[in-house]
Each structure stands twice: as structure tokens, then as C-alpha cells.
Amino acid sequence: MTLVHIVVILVVVGLVMWLINTYIPMAAPIKSLLNIVVFVVILIWLLQTFGLIGPIPGLKIPALS
């Protein structure tokens, strides 16, 4: 996976999160929880993509390549 693919994925995820946060009405705690969950998943995916951590047993994050 190239750096361009990673940046495009991050931009798309950021745009989708911005659209959800802006246009879908939901309670503030739910919105915060959604943002935290997406951040953690993206962080784990990035760390695995760059080889800084190995696979986590029981956690399935599909490869996007």
C-alpha cells in the first residue's frame, strides 16, 4: 500500500466523519463515542500498516489493498 493510498483513505474517512458530525443529528455523547471509536480503529490500522504493531488476536481489521 502506497503513501498516496493511505492519505486518500484518511481523507475519505475524515470527510465521512465530518458529514456524519455535521448533518446527522445525534446526542453529543453518542457523537463523541463514535469519533473515539473511529479514531482508535484508524490508529490501530495505521500502526499495523506501517508495521509498528502486529495483528491483534481477536480483532479483525481488513486490509484495504
Protein backbone atom coordinates (compact mmCIF):
# COMPACT_ATOMS: atom_id res chain seq x y z
CA MET A 1 0.00 0.00 0.00
CA THR A 2 1.48 3.32 -1.02
CA LEU A 3 1.51 6.51 0.98
CA VAL A 4 -0.94 8.03 -1.52
CA HIS A 5 -3.47 5.27 -0.78
CA ILE A 6 -3.11 5.82 2.94
CA VAL A 7 -3.63 9.58 2.60
CA VAL A 8 -6.67 9.08 0.36
CA ILE A 9 -8.21 6.65 2.87
CA LEU A 10 -7.60 9.09 5.73
CA VAL A 11 -9.15 11.95 3.75
CA VAL A 12 -12.21 9.86 2.86
CA VAL A 13 -12.69 8.72 6.46
CA GLY A 14 -12.27 12.29 7.68
CA LEU A 15 -14.79 13.57 5.16
CA VAL A 16 -17.33 10.88 6.08
CA MET A 17 -16.89 11.64 9.78
CA TRP A 18 -17.31 15.37 9.13
CA LEU A 19 -20.50 14.71 7.16
CA ILE A 20 -21.87 12.49 9.92
CA ASN A 21 -20.98 15.00 12.64
CA THR A 22 -22.44 17.91 10.67
CA TYR A 23 -25.60 16.55 9.09
CA ILE A 24 -26.81 13.64 11.23
CA PRO A 25 -28.46 14.77 14.44
CA MET A 26 -27.47 12.68 17.44
CA ALA A 27 -26.80 13.18 21.11
CA ALA A 28 -23.39 14.60 21.99
CA PRO A 29 -22.23 11.55 23.99
CA ILE A 30 -23.05 9.22 21.09
CA LYS A 31 -21.24 11.52 18.66
CA SER A 32 -18.19 11.61 20.93
CA LEU A 33 -18.18 7.84 21.30
CA LEU A 34 -18.43 7.39 17.52
CA ASN A 35 -15.50 9.76 16.99
CA ILE A 36 -13.37 7.95 19.59
CA VAL A 37 -14.14 4.51 18.13
CA VAL A 38 -13.31 5.63 14.58
CA PHE A 39 -10.09 7.30 15.80
CA VAL A 40 -8.94 4.17 17.64
CA VAL A 41 -9.72 1.90 14.67
CA ILE A 42 -7.85 4.22 12.28
CA LEU A 43 -4.92 4.47 14.69
CA ILE A 44 -4.66 0.67 15.01
CA TRP A 45 -4.95 0.29 11.24
CA LEU A 46 -2.18 2.85 10.65
CA LEU A 47 0.13 1.21 13.19
CA GLN A 48 -0.44 -2.18 11.58
CA THR A 49 0.01 -0.74 8.08
CA PHE A 50 3.40 0.75 8.98
CA GLY A 51 4.42 -2.43 10.80
CA LEU A 52 4.72 -0.85 14.24
CA ILE A 53 2.38 -3.41 15.78
CA GLY A 54 1.45 -6.89 14.70
CA PRO A 55 -2.00 -8.36 14.34
CA ILE A 56 -4.13 -8.23 17.47
CA PRO A 57 -5.70 -11.61 18.29
CA GLY A 58 -9.48 -11.47 18.09
CA LEU A 59 -9.51 -8.11 16.28
CA LYS A 60 -10.25 -8.23 12.56
CA ILE A 61 -9.38 -5.05 10.64
CA PRO A 62 -9.41 -5.86 6.93
CA ALA A 63 -6.57 -4.78 4.70
CA LEU A 64 -7.68 -2.14 2.20
CA SER A 65 -5.24 -3.04 -0.56
